[in-house]
C-alpha cells in the first residue's frame, strides 16, 4: 500500500457515501452462468443499472460537489460522459454547456437533453471529436467555467473509485481478481488507487483503441494514429496523463486487448442467456474471461460491466460481427459461367445447415462469366470445409472476402 492510498481510499468512500443522496449503489451480483462456465466465483458490478446506464455520472458528481461556488460546467462528449454531466447539472442546479460533434446520433443528443433538462445547453460543433474538444475548451476559458474532463481529472478519478468502494462493501474484502475496462483510464485508475496490490488485475481495451497498452510500451501517453470507434465507450486515442501516472506500473502482462468482433459474441451471449443489455465497452470485462482461463479457476472475480447505453438499431451489426468472428458466416465472390443451370450447380453444393443470407449479382467479369456476391450462414464452422470442397469439385471459382477489410467495406 502506497503512502497516499489510505487517503485516496477515504476519499473514494466519502464519494460513495455522498452519492447515496442521488442514487443507491449499483448491484454487485454473482453470475451463476459465468461462474459455471469458467469454474470461478464470478460477480458482475452492474454499472449499466446506474441512472444514466454507465458509471460516468460518479466522476461528474464528485467534481461538482467539490465546487459548490462554481456555476458553469463545460464538457465535450458524444456519449456517456455527456449524459453523466447533464444528469448532475440537473441534480445540483448547475448550468452546463455540453459540446458534441455534429455527427452525434440524435438518440444520444435526446438522452443528454432529457437528463439535463433546462439546466444544460447542447452545442453541436465539429465533425471530429478533436474539433469538438478544442471548441469546448476555448468556450470554457472565455466563459469562466470549469472544464469537466471525462477521465483526466483527479476529482473524476476519485469519483470513479466509488465503484471499488461499493465492491468492497458487498464482498467485505477485495476480490481475488478485478477485471476493468479501459478507455481514458478514469475508472481503472480509480479502482487501482483503491485496491492497489490487494487483488490481481486485468485491464481490458478494445483492439482498435488500446491506448493504455501503447502508453505502457512507450513509457508515456502516446496518441494512436487510428481508432476503431465501434466500442465507443472505450475507444480513446490517448490515455490521460493523470490516469497513466497511476497506471504506469501495472505491466503489460495485466493488459489485454479484445477484437471488436469478439466483443459482439459476448454482447449477444449476455443478452440471450442473461437478458442483460450491454454496450460494446460494457461487455469488455466479461469478454476478457475467455483469455484468463486457468488463472481464475476457483477464485473470486469481479467484472465491471461499465455501461448499457446500446442502441438496438445496432443489433443487426452486432449479430453480423459475432457470426463472422465465430466463423459461422462468410462472404465470397463466386465466378459463375453464363449458361443455363450454372446457378443450380452452385445451389447443389449447399449442405442441409447452410443458408443463403446474401445474393447479389455484381457484373459480368468476362463475356461468358459473371460475378456474384454470396453470403452464407451455417450452424457449425466445419460446414464451410464441406461447402468449399463441393464448390471446388464443381470447378467453380470463388474468393473468400470475409476478412478482406477493404472489399468488405464496399461490398458487404
Protein backbone atom coordinates (compact mmCIF):
# COMPACT_ATOMS: atom_id res chain seq x y z
CA UNK A 1 0.00 0.00 0.00
CA UNK A 2 1.45 3.38 -1.04
CA UNK A 3 1.66 6.30 1.36
CA UNK A 4 -1.25 8.15 -0.25
CA UNK A 5 -3.50 5.10 -0.67
CA UNK A 6 -5.25 5.32 2.73
CA UNK A 7 -6.11 8.95 1.96
CA UNK A 8 -7.38 8.00 -1.50
CA UNK A 9 -9.46 5.14 -0.07
CA UNK A 10 -11.03 7.52 2.44
CA UNK A 11 -11.90 9.99 -0.32
CA UNK A 12 -13.40 7.27 -2.50
CA UNK A 13 -15.53 6.03 0.39
CA UNK A 14 -16.65 9.59 1.10
CA UNK A 15 -17.64 9.99 -2.54
CA UNK A 16 -19.59 6.73 -2.43
CA UNK A 17 -21.39 7.82 0.75
CA UNK A 18 -22.25 11.22 -0.72
CA UNK A 19 -23.59 9.54 -3.86
CA UNK A 20 -26.29 7.84 -1.79
CA UNK A 21 -28.20 11.11 -1.78
CA UNK A 22 -28.53 10.74 -5.55
CA UNK A 23 -28.85 7.02 -6.27
CA UNK A 24 -28.35 3.69 -4.46
CA UNK A 25 -25.27 1.52 -5.03
CA UNK A 26 -25.34 -0.32 -8.34
CA UNK A 27 -25.77 -4.07 -7.78
CA UNK A 28 -22.83 -6.43 -7.41
CA UNK A 29 -24.35 -9.74 -8.46
CA UNK A 30 -22.92 -13.22 -8.61
CA UNK A 31 -23.48 -14.67 -12.09
CA UNK A 32 -24.17 -18.41 -11.99
CA UNK A 33 -23.86 -18.86 -15.77
CA UNK A 34 -20.36 -17.36 -15.96
CA UNK A 35 -19.27 -18.96 -12.69
CA UNK A 36 -20.17 -22.44 -14.01
CA UNK A 37 -18.63 -21.70 -17.41
CA UNK A 38 -15.24 -20.63 -16.04
CA UNK A 39 -15.09 -22.60 -12.80
CA UNK A 40 -14.81 -19.47 -10.70
CA UNK A 41 -16.89 -17.29 -8.40
CA UNK A 42 -17.73 -14.53 -10.87
CA UNK A 43 -19.53 -11.34 -9.92
CA UNK A 44 -20.71 -8.50 -12.14
CA UNK A 45 -20.63 -4.90 -10.98
CA UNK A 46 -23.66 -3.63 -12.87
CA UNK A 47 -22.84 -0.03 -13.79
CA UNK A 48 -25.28 -0.49 -16.67
CA UNK A 49 -28.00 -0.12 -14.00
CA UNK A 50 -26.88 3.35 -12.89
CA UNK A 51 -29.35 6.19 -13.61
CA UNK A 52 -27.61 7.09 -16.88
CA UNK A 53 -26.70 3.43 -17.60
CA UNK A 54 -22.98 3.96 -17.02
CA UNK A 55 -20.53 4.83 -14.24
CA UNK A 56 -19.69 8.23 -15.75
CA UNK A 57 -22.03 10.22 -13.50
CA UNK A 58 -19.89 9.26 -10.48
CA UNK A 59 -16.93 11.37 -11.57
CA UNK A 60 -19.18 14.24 -12.62
CA UNK A 61 -20.89 14.13 -9.23
CA UNK A 62 -17.65 14.17 -7.30
CA UNK A 63 -16.20 17.08 -9.27
CA UNK A 64 -19.38 19.15 -8.89
CA UNK A 65 -19.89 18.50 -5.19
CA UNK A 66 -16.37 19.81 -4.53
CA UNK A 67 -17.11 23.08 -6.33
CA UNK A 68 -20.29 24.48 -4.80
CA UNK A 69 -19.28 28.02 -5.79
CA UNK A 70 -18.90 27.12 -9.49
CA UNK A 71 -22.00 27.81 -11.57
CA UNK A 72 -20.89 26.75 -15.06
CA UNK A 73 -19.56 23.33 -16.06
CA UNK A 74 -18.42 22.55 -19.60
CA UNK A 75 -17.61 19.25 -21.24
CA UNK A 76 -17.03 17.68 -24.63
CA UNK A 77 -18.54 14.26 -25.20
CA UNK A 78 -20.70 12.29 -27.60
CA UNK A 79 -21.76 9.64 -25.14
CA UNK A 80 -21.84 8.52 -21.53
CA UNK A 81 -19.84 11.42 -20.10
CA UNK A 82 -22.24 13.94 -21.63
CA UNK A 83 -25.19 12.14 -20.07
CA UNK A 84 -23.49 11.94 -16.67
CA UNK A 85 -22.65 15.65 -16.68
CA UNK A 86 -26.19 16.53 -17.80
CA UNK A 87 -27.73 14.40 -15.04
CA UNK A 88 -25.58 16.01 -12.37
CA UNK A 89 -26.19 19.55 -13.65
CA UNK A 90 -29.89 18.91 -13.12
CA UNK A 91 -29.20 17.35 -9.70
CA UNK A 92 -27.05 20.23 -8.43
CA UNK A 93 -28.92 23.00 -10.23
CA UNK A 94 -25.77 23.97 -12.14
CA UNK A 95 -25.56 25.35 -15.65
CA UNK A 96 -23.93 23.01 -18.13
CA UNK A 97 -22.77 23.54 -21.70
CA UNK A 98 -22.14 20.26 -23.45
CA UNK A 99 -20.27 20.22 -26.74
CA UNK A 100 -20.98 17.28 -29.04
CA UNK A 101 -19.79 16.52 -32.58
CA UNK A 102 -22.22 17.38 -35.37
CA UNK A 103 -22.20 13.68 -36.27
CA UNK A 104 -23.57 12.57 -32.87
CA UNK A 105 -26.64 10.31 -33.28
CA UNK A 106 -29.92 12.00 -32.37
CA UNK A 107 -30.67 9.29 -29.81
CA UNK A 108 -27.63 10.33 -27.73
CA UNK A 109 -28.43 14.01 -28.08
CA UNK A 110 -32.01 13.46 -26.92
CA UNK A 111 -30.96 11.34 -23.93
CA UNK A 112 -28.49 14.01 -22.85
CA UNK A 113 -31.17 16.69 -23.18
CA UNK A 114 -33.66 14.60 -21.17
CA UNK A 115 -31.19 14.09 -18.31
CA UNK A 116 -30.14 17.74 -18.17
CA UNK A 117 -33.43 19.49 -18.94
CA UNK A 118 -33.34 23.28 -18.70
CA UNK A 119 -30.01 23.23 -16.87
CA UNK A 120 -27.97 22.39 -19.95
CA UNK A 121 -27.25 23.69 -23.41
CA UNK A 122 -26.05 21.35 -26.14
CA UNK A 123 -23.75 22.76 -28.81
CA UNK A 124 -23.07 20.66 -31.89
CA UNK A 125 -19.61 21.60 -33.10
CA UNK A 126 -17.11 19.89 -35.42
CA UNK A 127 -17.21 16.72 -37.46
CA UNK A 128 -14.50 15.09 -35.34
CA UNK A 129 -14.11 14.93 -31.58
CA UNK A 130 -10.78 16.78 -31.52
CA UNK A 131 -12.54 19.80 -33.08
CA UNK A 132 -15.34 19.49 -30.54
CA UNK A 133 -12.91 19.30 -27.63
CA UNK A 134 -10.99 22.35 -28.82
CA UNK A 135 -14.18 24.40 -29.13
CA UNK A 136 -15.36 23.33 -25.66
CA UNK A 137 -12.07 24.26 -24.00
CA UNK A 138 -11.94 27.64 -25.76
CA UNK A 139 -15.50 28.44 -24.72
CA UNK A 140 -14.84 27.32 -21.14
CA UNK A 141 -11.83 29.64 -20.83
CA UNK A 142 -13.79 32.59 -22.23
CA UNK A 143 -16.89 31.98 -20.09
CA UNK A 144 -15.04 31.27 -16.84
CA UNK A 145 -16.48 27.78 -16.44
CA UNK A 146 -14.95 24.59 -15.06
CA UNK A 147 -13.96 22.12 -17.76
CA UNK A 148 -15.01 18.65 -16.71
CA UNK A 149 -12.74 16.04 -18.30
CA UNK A 150 -14.25 12.60 -18.86
CA UNK A 151 -11.25 10.94 -17.20
CA UNK A 152 -8.11 13.06 -16.79
CA UNK A 153 -9.15 14.84 -13.61
CA UNK A 154 -8.26 13.89 -10.02
CA UNK A 155 -11.80 14.51 -8.75
CA UNK A 156 -13.22 12.40 -11.57
CA UNK A 157 -10.76 9.56 -10.84
CA UNK A 158 -11.72 9.75 -7.16
CA UNK A 159 -15.41 9.64 -8.05
CA UNK A 160 -15.00 6.60 -10.31
CA UNK A 161 -13.18 4.88 -7.42
CA UNK A 162 -16.53 4.77 -5.62
CA UNK A 163 -17.18 1.69 -7.79
CA UNK A 164 -14.35 -0.10 -5.95
CA UNK A 165 -15.63 1.11 -2.57
CA UNK A 166 -19.05 -0.42 -3.31
CA UNK A 167 -17.47 -3.70 -4.43
CA UNK A 168 -15.57 -3.98 -1.15
CA UNK A 169 -18.65 -3.10 0.87
CA UNK A 170 -20.61 -6.02 -0.62
CA UNK A 171 -17.82 -8.60 -0.64
CA UNK A 172 -16.38 -7.49 2.69
CA UNK A 173 -12.91 -7.57 1.12
CA UNK A 174 -11.07 -7.02 -2.12
CA UNK A 175 -11.85 -9.58 -4.84
CA UNK A 176 -9.13 -12.04 -5.81
CA UNK A 177 -9.16 -10.67 -9.35
CA UNK A 178 -10.68 -7.48 -10.76
CA UNK A 179 -11.33 -7.09 -14.48
CA UNK A 180 -11.69 -3.46 -15.55
CA UNK A 181 -12.39 -1.94 -18.97
CA UNK A 182 -10.07 0.88 -20.01
CA UNK A 183 -10.82 3.90 -22.16
CA UNK A 184 -9.14 7.08 -20.99
CA UNK A 185 -8.29 5.40 -17.69
CA UNK A 186 -10.53 7.16 -15.15
CA UNK A 187 -12.30 4.03 -13.90
CA UNK A 188 -9.21 1.82 -13.97
CA UNK A 189 -7.01 4.42 -12.26
CA UNK A 190 -9.65 4.93 -9.58
CA UNK A 191 -10.08 1.23 -8.88
CA UNK A 192 -6.31 0.64 -8.84
CA UNK A 193 -5.85 3.57 -6.48
CA UNK A 194 -8.40 1.99 -4.15
CA UNK A 195 -7.45 -1.72 -4.17
CA UNK A 196 -3.77 -1.45 -5.12
CA UNK A 197 -1.99 -4.76 -4.58
CA UNK A 198 -4.85 -6.30 -2.62
CA UNK A 199 -6.06 -8.09 -5.77
CA UNK A 200 -4.84 -9.26 -9.16
CA UNK A 201 -5.75 -7.18 -12.19
CA UNK A 202 -6.78 -7.37 -15.81
CA UNK A 203 -7.07 -4.08 -17.70
CA UNK A 204 -9.06 -4.62 -20.87
CA UNK A 205 -9.15 -2.50 -24.03
CA UNK A 206 -10.71 -2.86 -27.48
CA UNK A 207 -8.03 -3.81 -30.01
CA UNK A 208 -8.79 -0.74 -32.08
CA UNK A 209 -8.29 1.65 -29.15
CA UNK A 210 -5.55 0.17 -26.99
CA UNK A 211 -4.14 3.46 -25.70
CA UNK A 212 -3.06 2.05 -22.31
CA UNK A 213 -1.06 -0.72 -23.92
CA UNK A 214 0.56 1.78 -26.29
CA UNK A 215 1.48 4.00 -23.33
CA UNK A 216 2.90 1.07 -21.35
CA UNK A 217 5.14 0.16 -24.29
CA UNK A 218 6.28 3.75 -24.78
CA UNK A 219 6.56 4.60 -21.10
CA UNK A 220 4.32 7.64 -21.58
CA UNK A 221 0.91 8.53 -23.07
CA UNK A 222 1.03 8.40 -26.87
CA UNK A 223 -1.65 9.17 -29.45
CA UNK A 224 -2.88 6.30 -31.58
CA UNK A 225 -2.82 7.03 -35.30
CA UNK A 226 -6.22 5.44 -35.85
CA UNK A 227 -9.03 4.40 -33.51
CA UNK A 228 -11.83 1.93 -34.18
CA UNK A 229 -14.90 3.62 -32.69
CA UNK A 230 -17.13 0.53 -32.51
CA UNK A 231 -16.59 0.22 -28.75
CA UNK A 232 -17.09 3.96 -28.45
CA UNK A 233 -17.24 3.97 -24.64
CA UNK A 234 -13.60 2.81 -24.54
CA UNK A 235 -12.28 4.00 -27.91
CA UNK A 236 -9.81 6.68 -26.81
CA UNK A 237 -6.85 7.85 -28.87
CA UNK A 238 -4.63 8.76 -25.91
CA UNK A 239 -4.80 7.80 -22.26
CA UNK A 240 -4.87 10.67 -19.78
CA UNK A 241 -1.67 11.99 -18.20
CA UNK A 242 -3.12 11.80 -14.68
CA UNK A 243 -4.64 8.38 -15.20
CA UNK A 244 -1.44 6.97 -16.68
CA UNK A 245 0.53 8.31 -13.73
CA UNK A 246 -1.46 5.82 -11.64
CA UNK A 247 -1.46 3.00 -14.21
CA UNK A 248 2.12 3.13 -15.49
CA UNK A 249 3.30 0.37 -13.16
CA UNK A 250 0.66 -2.25 -13.97
CA UNK A 251 2.79 -4.13 -16.52
CA UNK A 252 1.92 -5.46 -19.96
CA UNK A 253 1.07 -8.88 -18.52
CA UNK A 254 -2.05 -7.34 -16.94
CA UNK A 255 -3.08 -5.58 -20.15
CA UNK A 256 -5.49 -7.35 -22.51
CA UNK A 257 -6.86 -6.31 -25.89
CA UNK A 258 -10.07 -7.74 -27.33
CA UNK A 259 -11.04 -7.80 -31.03
CA UNK A 260 -14.16 -5.72 -31.59
CA UNK A 261 -15.94 -8.59 -33.35
CA UNK A 262 -15.34 -10.93 -30.39
CA UNK A 263 -16.91 -8.40 -28.03
CA UNK A 264 -20.08 -8.87 -30.07
CA UNK A 265 -20.24 -12.57 -29.21
CA UNK A 266 -20.31 -11.66 -25.51
CA UNK A 267 -22.91 -8.94 -26.03
CA UNK A 268 -25.21 -11.49 -27.69
CA UNK A 269 -24.47 -14.14 -25.06
CA UNK A 270 -25.34 -11.79 -22.19
CA UNK A 271 -28.49 -10.63 -23.98
CA UNK A 272 -29.73 -14.09 -24.96
CA UNK A 273 -28.70 -16.03 -21.84
CA UNK A 274 -28.94 -13.44 -19.07
CA UNK A 275 -31.22 -10.75 -20.53
CA UNK A 276 -28.50 -8.14 -19.85
CA UNK A 277 -28.14 -5.31 -22.37
CA UNK A 278 -24.56 -4.08 -22.62
CA UNK A 279 -22.86 -1.61 -24.91
CA UNK A 280 -19.60 -2.83 -26.50
CA UNK A 281 -17.39 -1.17 -23.87
CA UNK A 282 -19.68 -2.56 -21.15
CA UNK A 283 -19.04 -6.12 -22.34
CA UNK A 284 -15.23 -5.81 -22.44
CA UNK A 285 -14.51 -7.09 -18.93
CA UNK A 286 -16.82 -10.09 -19.31
CA UNK A 287 -15.37 -10.99 -22.70
CA UNK A 288 -11.87 -10.95 -21.20
CA UNK A 289 -12.77 -14.02 -19.11
CA UNK A 290 -12.18 -16.07 -22.27
CA UNK A 291 -8.49 -15.16 -22.10
CA UNK A 292 -8.00 -15.66 -18.36
CA UNK A 293 -8.73 -19.40 -18.32
CA UNK A 294 -6.97 -21.35 -15.58
CA UNK A 295 -5.70 -18.16 -13.93
CA UNK A 296 -9.11 -17.51 -12.39
CA UNK A 297 -10.36 -21.01 -11.62
CA UNK A 298 -11.61 -21.26 -8.04
CA UNK A 299 -11.10 -17.54 -7.45
CA UNK A 300 -13.47 -14.66 -6.72
CA UNK A 301 -13.53 -12.49 -9.82
CA UNK A 302 -15.35 -9.18 -10.31
CA UNK A 303 -16.00 -7.89 -13.82
CA UNK A 304 -17.14 -4.28 -14.14
CA UNK A 305 -19.98 -4.04 -16.66
CA UNK A 306 -19.30 -0.38 -17.31
CA UNK A 307 -22.31 0.62 -19.39
CA UNK A 308 -25.52 -0.37 -21.13
CA UNK A 309 -26.20 2.52 -23.50
CA UNK A 310 -26.90 0.36 -26.50
CA UNK A 311 -29.00 1.46 -29.45
CA UNK A 312 -30.93 -1.59 -30.65
CA UNK A 313 -30.69 -0.33 -34.21
CA UNK A 314 -27.10 -1.62 -33.95
CA UNK A 315 -28.20 -5.16 -33.10
CA UNK A 316 -28.02 -6.45 -36.71
CA UNK A 317 -24.43 -5.16 -36.91
CA UNK A 318 -23.55 -6.83 -33.61
CA UNK A 319 -25.03 -10.13 -34.78
CA UNK A 320 -23.19 -9.87 -38.09
CA UNK A 321 -19.85 -9.20 -36.40
CA UNK A 322 -20.39 -12.03 -33.93
CA UNK A 323 -21.23 -14.54 -36.66
CA UNK A 324 -18.22 -13.59 -38.73
CA UNK A 325 -15.89 -13.83 -35.73
CA UNK A 326 -17.34 -17.21 -34.76
CA UNK A 327 -16.81 -18.49 -38.29
CA UNK A 328 -20.45 -19.36 -38.99
CA UNK A 329 -20.95 -16.65 -41.60
CA UNK A 330 -18.79 -16.00 -44.63
CA UNK A 331 -18.90 -13.86 -47.73
CA UNK A 332 -17.30 -14.73 -51.03
CA UNK A 333 -17.36 -13.66 -54.64
CA UNK A 334 -18.34 -16.51 -56.93
CA UNK A 335 -17.48 -16.55 -60.64
CA UNK A 336 -20.38 -18.18 -62.45
CA UNK A 337 -20.42 -19.24 -66.10
CA UNK A 338 -23.17 -17.56 -68.12
CA UNK A 339 -25.11 -20.72 -69.04
CA UNK A 340 -28.38 -22.31 -68.03
CA UNK A 341 -28.06 -24.43 -64.90
CA UNK A 342 -24.93 -22.75 -63.52
CA UNK A 343 -26.75 -21.34 -60.51
CA UNK A 344 -28.42 -24.69 -59.91
CA UNK A 345 -24.99 -26.34 -59.87
CA UNK A 346 -23.89 -23.96 -57.16
CA UNK A 347 -27.04 -24.41 -55.08
CA UNK A 348 -26.48 -28.16 -55.09
CA UNK A 349 -23.24 -27.63 -53.14
CA UNK A 350 -25.09 -26.27 -50.10
CA UNK A 351 -25.46 -28.57 -47.11
CA UNK A 352 -28.63 -29.02 -45.02
CA UNK A 353 -27.46 -26.46 -42.43
CA UNK A 354 -26.27 -23.83 -44.94
CA UNK A 355 -28.43 -20.79 -45.64
CA UNK A 356 -28.01 -18.03 -48.22
CA UNK A 357 -28.04 -14.70 -46.34
CA UNK A 358 -26.91 -12.52 -49.24
CA UNK A 359 -27.07 -12.96 -53.02
CA UNK A 360 -26.18 -10.10 -55.27
CA UNK A 361 -25.28 -10.21 -58.96
CA UNK A 362 -22.35 -7.83 -59.38
CA UNK A 363 -21.40 -7.74 -63.07
CA UNK A 364 -20.14 -9.74 -65.97
CA UNK A 365 -16.42 -10.15 -65.44
CA UNK A 366 -15.97 -11.61 -68.94
CA UNK A 367 -18.13 -12.40 -71.91
CA UNK A 368 -19.05 -15.82 -70.63
CA UNK A 369 -18.78 -15.27 -66.85
CA UNK A 370 -20.41 -13.15 -64.18
CA UNK A 371 -19.54 -12.34 -60.54
CA UNK A 372 -21.95 -12.90 -57.67
CA UNK A 373 -21.60 -11.77 -54.05
CA UNK A 374 -22.68 -14.64 -51.79
CA UNK A 375 -23.25 -14.57 -48.03
CA UNK A 376 -23.68 -17.95 -46.31
CA UNK A 377 -24.78 -18.61 -42.73
CA UNK A 378 -24.40 -22.04 -41.18
CA UNK A 379 -24.60 -23.62 -37.75
CA UNK A 380 -21.07 -25.01 -37.45
CA UNK A 381 -17.78 -23.67 -38.77
CA UNK A 382 -16.74 -27.04 -40.17
CA UNK A 383 -19.67 -26.91 -42.59
CA UNK A 384 -17.67 -24.47 -44.69
CA UNK A 385 -14.95 -27.07 -45.29
CA UNK A 386 -17.55 -29.34 -46.87
CA UNK A 387 -19.10 -26.46 -48.82
CA UNK A 388 -15.84 -25.26 -50.32
CA UNK A 389 -14.87 -28.86 -51.17
CA UNK A 390 -18.14 -29.21 -53.08
CA UNK A 391 -17.58 -25.91 -54.90
CA UNK A 392 -14.06 -26.98 -55.88
CA UNK A 393 -15.40 -30.31 -57.12
CA UNK A 394 -17.82 -28.43 -59.39
CA UNK A 395 -14.90 -26.50 -60.85
CA UNK A 396 -16.32 -23.14 -59.73
CA UNK A 397 -14.01 -20.23 -58.92
CA UNK A 398 -14.54 -18.18 -55.77
CA UNK A 399 -12.75 -15.74 -53.44
CA UNK A 400 -13.42 -15.59 -49.69
CA UNK A 401 -13.65 -11.88 -48.76
CA UNK A 402 -14.88 -12.28 -45.17
CA UNK A 403 -11.63 -10.93 -43.68
CA UNK A 404 -10.80 -8.56 -46.53
CA UNK A 405 -11.47 -5.21 -44.83
CA UNK A 406 -11.36 -3.11 -47.99
CA UNK A 407 -13.67 -5.29 -50.10
CA UNK A 408 -15.97 -5.93 -47.13
CA UNK A 409 -16.33 -2.19 -46.56
CA UNK A 410 -17.50 -1.60 -50.12
CA UNK A 411 -19.48 -4.78 -50.80
CA UNK A 412 -20.96 -6.08 -47.53
